[in-house]
Amino acid sequence: MVTKFSIFSGSSHPELAKEISKHIKQPLGKVKLSTFSCGEKYVAFENTMRGQEVFIIQTCRDQLMNEDYMELFLMINAAKLSFATQIHVIIPHFGYARQDKVHVPREPISAKVMADLLVTAGANHIITFELHADQNQAFFDVPVDNINVHKLFSSYFKKKKLPKVTVISPDAGGAKKAKTFADDLGAPIAILHKSRPAHNVAKTTHVVGDVKGRTCIIYDDMIDTAGSVVAAHEALLENGANKDIYLAATHPIFSGPAIKRLSKANFKEVVVTNTMPLSKEKQFKGLKQISIAPLLADIIASVSHQKSVSSLFY
């Protein structure tokens, strides 16, 4: 059974939405998005969606995620009040995902707050990429498809035919995801022990695994200020790794000193997806970007045809 559906885009990543529209061969719906002089957001859909399933695409950008979320909440609510039958929310980068537990007394669990707000606004289904912790899915009272992109990265690196590859997890928490990626490549993994003396500050203290003379691919879910991955790069060189070190990560947040750090670190390549848009200021030598648009187009088609989504990425 094929359900009639419409696709709309917020203002955060129009390039991705247009690419998805091209792959799925369906035009994007029209939506008016503006900001009043007082800072309030305004949303109005220009196409009917009564009796239709609706897909809303909105990511969370560096420095703008709070505005992106507010716009998204209003879009979801407008779709709900316009009699959409199902509202599928595509958030390639789910902001606040790292604030998923109480680390010190009197902290909020911000990821749970965002999940509650999305559901309260009217979302029936969430599609996102590489949640910082898989258990974040439990914060939602609606179904969540947490898309793993290891196949996109493994396909890219297999074509390079790199010698003596070892996949590196920059911390113990990412070991499971690194192992999945390593299995795709038929490579061993090594795990780095990392400490955080302060927010956005990372120090690598131990390397667990053999990296001497190996071509290392550091594999992570995101690059924020790049402190962790640059520290990992230094630790790998100190332990005898091949000088050509690659970095692969799903979300290119690139905040604060990230671009300066990555450029100075001299990675062979930094390979990311386009879950977030990258301005010209965030481009640098060695940066490669893999598009998630074909995968998202297939996911939208599978959902609208009521077919399996997990088969596309597992």
Protein backbone atom coordinates (compact mmCIF):
# COMPACT_ATOMS: atom_id res chain seq x y z
CA MET A 1 0.00 0.00 0.00
CA VAL A 2 1.34 3.44 -0.99
CA THR A 3 0.20 6.37 1.11
CA LYS A 4 0.00 9.84 -0.37
CA PHE A 5 2.67 11.97 1.23
CA SER A 6 4.26 15.42 1.13
CA ILE A 7 7.81 16.51 1.94
CA PHE A 8 8.60 19.85 3.54
CA SER A 9 11.87 21.43 4.55
CA GLY A 10 12.75 23.79 7.34
CA SER A 11 15.33 26.52 6.82
CA SER A 12 18.28 24.61 8.34
CA HIS A 13 19.40 22.47 5.38
CA PRO A 14 17.60 23.31 2.10
CA GLU A 15 20.40 21.78 -0.01
CA LEU A 16 19.82 18.35 1.52
CA ALA A 17 16.04 18.64 1.09
CA LYS A 18 16.42 19.57 -2.59
CA GLU A 19 18.74 16.62 -3.18
CA ILE A 20 16.26 14.25 -1.51
CA SER A 21 13.46 15.70 -3.65
CA LYS A 22 15.52 15.05 -6.78
CA HIS A 23 16.22 11.44 -5.80
CA ILE A 24 12.63 10.68 -4.88
CA LYS A 25 11.31 12.57 -7.92
CA GLN A 26 8.78 14.56 -5.96
CA PRO A 27 8.80 18.36 -5.48
CA LEU A 28 9.09 19.80 -2.02
CA GLY A 29 5.97 21.29 -0.51
CA LYS A 30 5.87 25.06 -0.06
CA VAL A 31 6.13 26.52 3.40
CA LYS A 32 6.48 30.13 4.52
CA LEU A 33 9.14 30.57 7.18
CA SER A 34 9.99 33.93 8.69
CA THR A 35 11.06 35.67 11.88
CA PHE A 36 9.27 38.66 13.39
CA SER A 37 11.31 41.66 14.48
CA CYS A 38 10.86 40.58 18.10
CA GLY A 39 12.54 37.21 17.31
CA GLU A 40 9.41 35.03 17.22
CA LYS A 41 9.26 32.37 14.50
CA TYR A 42 6.39 32.16 12.00
CA VAL A 43 5.36 29.09 9.98
CA ALA A 44 2.61 28.57 7.40
CA PHE A 45 2.26 25.64 4.96
CA GLU A 46 1.09 26.67 1.49
CA ASN A 47 0.02 23.19 0.36
CA THR A 48 -2.83 21.12 1.70
CA MET A 49 -1.84 18.05 3.67
CA ARG A 50 -5.25 16.90 4.85
CA GLY A 51 -5.34 13.10 4.90
CA GLN A 52 -1.67 12.82 3.91
CA GLU A 53 1.49 11.61 5.58
CA VAL A 54 3.99 14.42 6.00
CA PHE A 55 7.80 14.29 6.12
CA ILE A 56 9.46 17.34 7.68
CA ILE A 57 13.22 17.73 7.21
CA GLN A 58 15.11 19.85 9.73
CA THR A 59 18.59 19.40 11.17
CA CYS A 60 20.28 21.14 14.12
CA ARG A 61 23.10 23.50 13.12
CA ASP A 62 26.05 24.74 15.11
CA GLN A 63 25.06 27.90 17.04
CA LEU A 64 21.55 27.82 15.53
CA MET A 65 20.08 24.62 16.95
CA ASN A 66 17.74 26.40 19.36
CA GLU A 67 16.24 28.41 16.47
CA ASP A 68 16.10 25.27 14.33
CA TYR A 69 14.25 23.39 17.06
CA MET A 70 11.70 26.19 17.59
CA GLU A 71 10.98 26.37 13.87
CA LEU A 72 10.60 22.58 13.79
CA PHE A 73 8.18 22.53 16.75
CA LEU A 74 5.97 25.06 14.98
CA MET A 75 6.10 23.16 11.68
CA ILE A 76 5.07 19.94 13.41
CA ASN A 77 2.21 21.64 15.21
CA ALA A 78 1.02 23.34 12.03
CA ALA A 79 0.99 19.97 10.23
CA LYS A 80 -0.96 18.41 13.10
CA LEU A 81 -3.55 21.19 13.03
CA SER A 82 -3.80 20.80 9.24
CA PHE A 83 -5.04 17.20 9.58
CA ALA A 84 -1.92 15.36 8.44
CA THR A 85 -2.46 11.68 9.19
CA GLN A 86 1.15 10.95 10.21
CA ILE A 87 4.01 13.36 10.83
CA HIS A 88 7.45 11.87 10.17
CA VAL A 89 10.19 14.17 11.44
CA ILE A 90 13.64 13.77 9.85
CA ILE A 91 16.36 15.26 12.10
CA PRO A 92 19.70 14.19 10.63
CA HIS A 93 21.58 15.75 13.55
CA PHE A 94 19.63 15.55 16.82
CA GLY A 95 20.78 18.47 18.94
CA TYR A 96 21.31 18.00 22.72
CA ALA A 97 21.89 14.26 22.20
CA ARG A 98 25.01 14.31 24.39
CA GLN A 99 23.08 15.63 27.39
CA ASP A 100 21.52 12.22 27.94
CA LYS A 101 22.04 11.68 31.68
CA VAL A 102 22.80 13.53 34.89
CA HIS A 103 26.59 13.81 35.07
CA VAL A 104 26.72 16.09 38.12
CA PRO A 105 23.99 17.01 40.62
CA ARG A 106 21.17 19.36 39.53
CA GLU A 107 21.68 18.95 35.76
CA PRO A 108 18.76 18.47 33.34
CA ILE A 109 18.50 15.55 30.95
CA SER A 110 18.22 17.88 27.97
CA ALA A 111 17.94 15.15 25.31
CA LYS A 112 14.79 13.89 27.04
CA VAL A 113 13.36 17.42 27.15
CA MET A 114 13.84 17.79 23.38
CA ALA A 115 12.24 14.39 22.77
CA ASP A 116 9.21 15.36 24.87
CA LEU A 117 8.82 18.67 23.04
CA LEU A 118 8.89 16.97 19.63
CA VAL A 119 6.21 14.48 20.65
CA THR A 120 4.09 17.14 22.36
CA ALA A 121 4.23 19.26 19.19
CA GLY A 122 2.72 16.30 17.30
CA ALA A 123 5.50 14.13 15.84
CA ASN A 124 4.43 10.52 15.21
CA HIS A 125 7.79 9.16 14.05
CA ILE A 126 11.40 10.33 14.29
CA ILE A 127 14.13 9.56 11.75
CA THR A 128 17.62 10.55 12.85
CA PHE A 129 21.25 9.62 12.26
CA GLU A 130 23.75 8.22 14.75
CA LEU A 131 22.33 9.24 18.10
CA HIS A 132 25.19 9.83 20.51
CA ALA A 133 23.88 6.89 22.56
CA ASP A 134 21.48 4.32 21.11
CA GLN A 135 19.46 4.28 24.33
CA ASN A 136 18.37 7.86 23.60
CA GLN A 137 15.60 6.23 21.54
CA ALA A 138 13.92 5.38 24.83
CA PHE A 139 13.37 9.09 25.52
CA PHE A 140 10.69 9.19 22.82
CA ASP A 141 7.10 8.00 23.20
CA VAL A 142 6.91 7.44 19.42
CA PRO A 143 8.91 5.13 17.10
CA VAL A 144 12.46 6.20 16.28
CA ASP A 145 14.60 5.07 13.34
CA ASN A 146 18.21 5.69 14.39
CA ILE A 147 20.08 5.37 11.10
CA ASN A 148 23.60 3.95 11.15
CA VAL A 149 25.81 5.15 8.29
CA HIS A 150 28.69 2.67 8.61
CA LYS A 151 27.89 1.24 5.16
CA LEU A 152 28.38 4.65 3.54
CA PHE A 153 31.81 4.99 5.13
CA SER A 154 32.89 1.41 4.49
CA SER A 155 31.90 1.73 0.82
CA TYR A 156 34.02 4.89 0.56
CA PHE A 157 37.10 3.42 2.22
CA LYS A 158 36.93 0.05 0.46
CA LYS A 159 37.45 1.84 -2.83
CA LYS A 160 40.75 3.24 -1.51
CA LYS A 161 42.21 -0.21 -0.85
CA LEU A 162 44.27 1.08 2.08
CA PRO A 163 47.01 -1.22 3.45
CA LYS A 164 46.98 -2.67 6.99
CA VAL A 165 43.90 -0.80 8.23
CA THR A 166 42.99 -0.49 11.91
CA VAL A 167 39.77 1.25 12.95
CA ILE A 168 40.16 3.49 15.99
CA SER A 169 37.47 4.27 18.54
CA PRO A 170 38.42 7.58 20.25
CA ASP A 171 36.85 6.36 23.50
CA ALA A 172 35.32 3.26 25.06
CA GLY A 173 31.77 4.52 24.46
CA GLY A 174 32.22 4.41 20.68
CA ALA A 175 33.76 0.92 20.57
CA LYS A 176 30.56 -0.85 19.47
CA LYS A 177 30.03 1.45 16.49
CA ALA A 178 33.72 1.27 15.58
CA LYS A 179 33.55 -2.55 15.69
CA THR A 180 30.60 -2.57 13.27
CA PHE A 181 32.51 -0.35 10.85
CA ALA A 182 35.68 -2.43 11.29
CA ASP A 183 33.77 -5.63 10.53
CA ASP A 184 32.58 -4.05 7.27
CA LEU A 185 36.20 -3.40 6.32
CA GLY A 186 37.51 -6.71 7.68
CA ALA A 187 39.87 -4.77 9.94
CA PRO A 188 40.83 -4.93 13.63
CA ILE A 189 40.02 -2.15 16.07
CA ALA A 190 41.93 -0.26 18.73
CA ILE A 191 40.38 1.77 21.54
CA LEU A 192 41.74 4.97 23.06
CA HIS A 193 41.26 5.83 26.70
CA LYS A 194 40.15 9.43 27.02
CA SER A 195 39.63 11.75 29.98
CA ARG A 196 37.77 15.07 30.03
CA PRO A 197 39.15 17.53 32.56
CA ALA A 198 36.62 20.16 31.37
CA HIS A 199 33.85 20.71 28.77
CA ASN A 200 35.20 20.41 25.19
CA VAL A 201 38.62 19.41 26.54
CA ALA A 202 39.93 15.89 25.89
CA LYS A 203 43.13 14.07 26.75
CA THR A 204 44.10 10.64 25.41
CA THR A 205 46.05 8.62 27.98
CA HIS A 206 46.23 5.04 26.63
CA VAL A 207 46.00 3.15 23.33
CA VAL A 208 44.50 -0.33 23.65
CA GLY A 209 45.37 -2.36 20.56
CA ASP A 210 48.09 -2.63 17.94
CA VAL A 211 48.53 0.51 15.80
CA LYS A 212 52.26 0.35 15.02
CA GLY A 213 52.80 0.62 11.28
CA ARG A 214 49.04 0.52 10.70
CA THR A 215 46.87 2.82 8.56
CA CYS A 216 44.42 4.16 11.13
CA ILE A 217 40.87 5.37 10.56
CA ILE A 218 39.45 7.19 13.58
CA TYR A 219 35.70 6.57 13.60
CA ASP A 220 33.32 8.75 15.63
CA ASP A 221 29.70 9.93 15.61
CA MET A 222 30.53 13.65 15.55
CA ILE A 223 33.28 16.25 15.43
CA ASP A 224 32.49 19.25 17.62
CA THR A 225 35.53 21.28 18.69
CA ALA A 226 37.79 18.46 17.37
CA GLY A 227 39.71 18.23 20.65
CA SER A 228 39.14 14.48 21.03
CA VAL A 229 40.10 13.50 17.48
CA VAL A 230 43.19 15.73 17.40
CA ALA A 231 44.33 14.23 20.71
CA ALA A 232 43.71 10.79 19.20
CA HIS A 233 45.77 11.71 16.13
CA GLU A 234 48.71 12.71 18.33
CA ALA A 235 48.45 9.56 20.45
CA LEU A 236 48.42 7.32 17.37
CA LEU A 237 51.56 8.93 15.93
CA GLU A 238 53.30 8.62 19.31
CA ASN A 239 52.49 4.91 19.26
CA GLY A 240 53.98 4.33 15.81
CA ALA A 241 50.94 4.50 13.52
CA ASN A 242 51.33 5.19 9.81
CA LYS A 243 51.53 8.98 9.29
CA ASP A 244 48.51 8.82 6.94
CA ILE A 245 45.70 8.93 9.51
CA TYR A 246 42.09 9.21 8.36
CA LEU A 247 39.13 10.58 10.31
CA ALA A 248 35.53 9.56 9.64
CA ALA A 249 32.56 11.02 11.50
CA THR A 250 28.85 11.37 10.82
CA HIS A 251 28.09 14.86 12.13
CA PRO A 252 30.42 17.75 11.13
CA ILE A 253 29.51 20.23 13.86
CA PHE A 254 32.90 21.98 13.61
CA SER A 255 32.35 24.53 16.37
CA GLY A 256 34.82 26.96 17.93
CA PRO A 257 38.45 26.05 17.16
CA ALA A 258 37.59 22.89 15.18
CA ILE A 259 38.62 24.09 11.71
CA LYS A 260 41.92 25.49 12.95
CA ARG A 261 42.66 22.28 14.88
CA LEU A 262 41.77 19.96 12.01
CA SER A 263 43.78 21.96 9.48
CA LYS A 264 46.81 21.98 11.77
CA ALA A 265 46.53 18.27 12.64
CA ASN A 266 47.16 17.33 8.99
CA PHE A 267 44.84 14.32 8.69
CA LYS A 268 45.18 12.51 5.39
CA GLU A 269 41.43 12.97 4.95
CA VAL A 270 38.51 14.04 7.12
CA VAL A 271 35.43 12.23 5.82
CA VAL A 272 31.98 13.33 7.03
CA THR A 273 28.36 13.18 5.88
CA ASN A 274 26.07 16.09 5.13
CA THR A 275 23.76 15.67 8.12
CA MET A 276 24.65 19.32 8.69
CA PRO A 277 25.39 22.03 6.11
CA LEU A 278 28.97 23.25 5.83
CA SER A 279 29.57 26.89 5.03
CA LYS A 280 32.61 28.02 3.02
CA GLU A 281 34.25 29.02 6.30
CA LYS A 282 34.11 25.38 7.41
CA GLN A 283 35.82 23.96 4.32
CA PHE A 284 39.49 22.95 4.49
CA LYS A 285 42.04 20.86 2.64
CA GLY A 286 41.40 17.13 2.91
CA LEU A 287 37.71 17.45 3.81
CA LYS A 288 35.43 14.97 2.00
CA GLN A 289 31.64 14.90 2.37
CA ILE A 290 29.36 11.92 1.66
CA SER A 291 25.71 12.67 0.94
CA ILE A 292 22.96 10.94 2.94
CA ALA A 293 20.29 12.14 0.47
CA PRO A 294 20.03 8.88 -1.55
CA LEU A 295 19.66 6.90 1.69
CA LEU A 296 17.03 9.29 3.04
CA ALA A 297 15.12 9.15 -0.25
CA ASP A 298 15.04 5.34 0.03
CA ILE A 299 13.90 5.60 3.66
CA ILE A 300 11.05 7.96 2.76
CA ALA A 301 10.00 5.62 -0.05
CA SER A 302 10.11 2.60 2.27
CA VAL A 303 8.03 4.33 4.95
CA SER A 304 5.43 5.50 2.42
CA HIS A 305 5.24 1.93 1.00
CA GLN A 306 5.13 0.45 4.52
CA LYS A 307 8.33 -1.52 3.91
CA SER A 308 11.34 -2.24 6.11
CA VAL A 309 13.71 0.64 6.82
CA SER A 310 16.35 -1.26 8.78
CA SER A 311 17.22 -3.39 5.73
CA LEU A 312 18.59 -0.24 4.08
CA PHE A 313 21.38 0.32 6.56
CA TYR A 314 22.00 -2.84 8.64
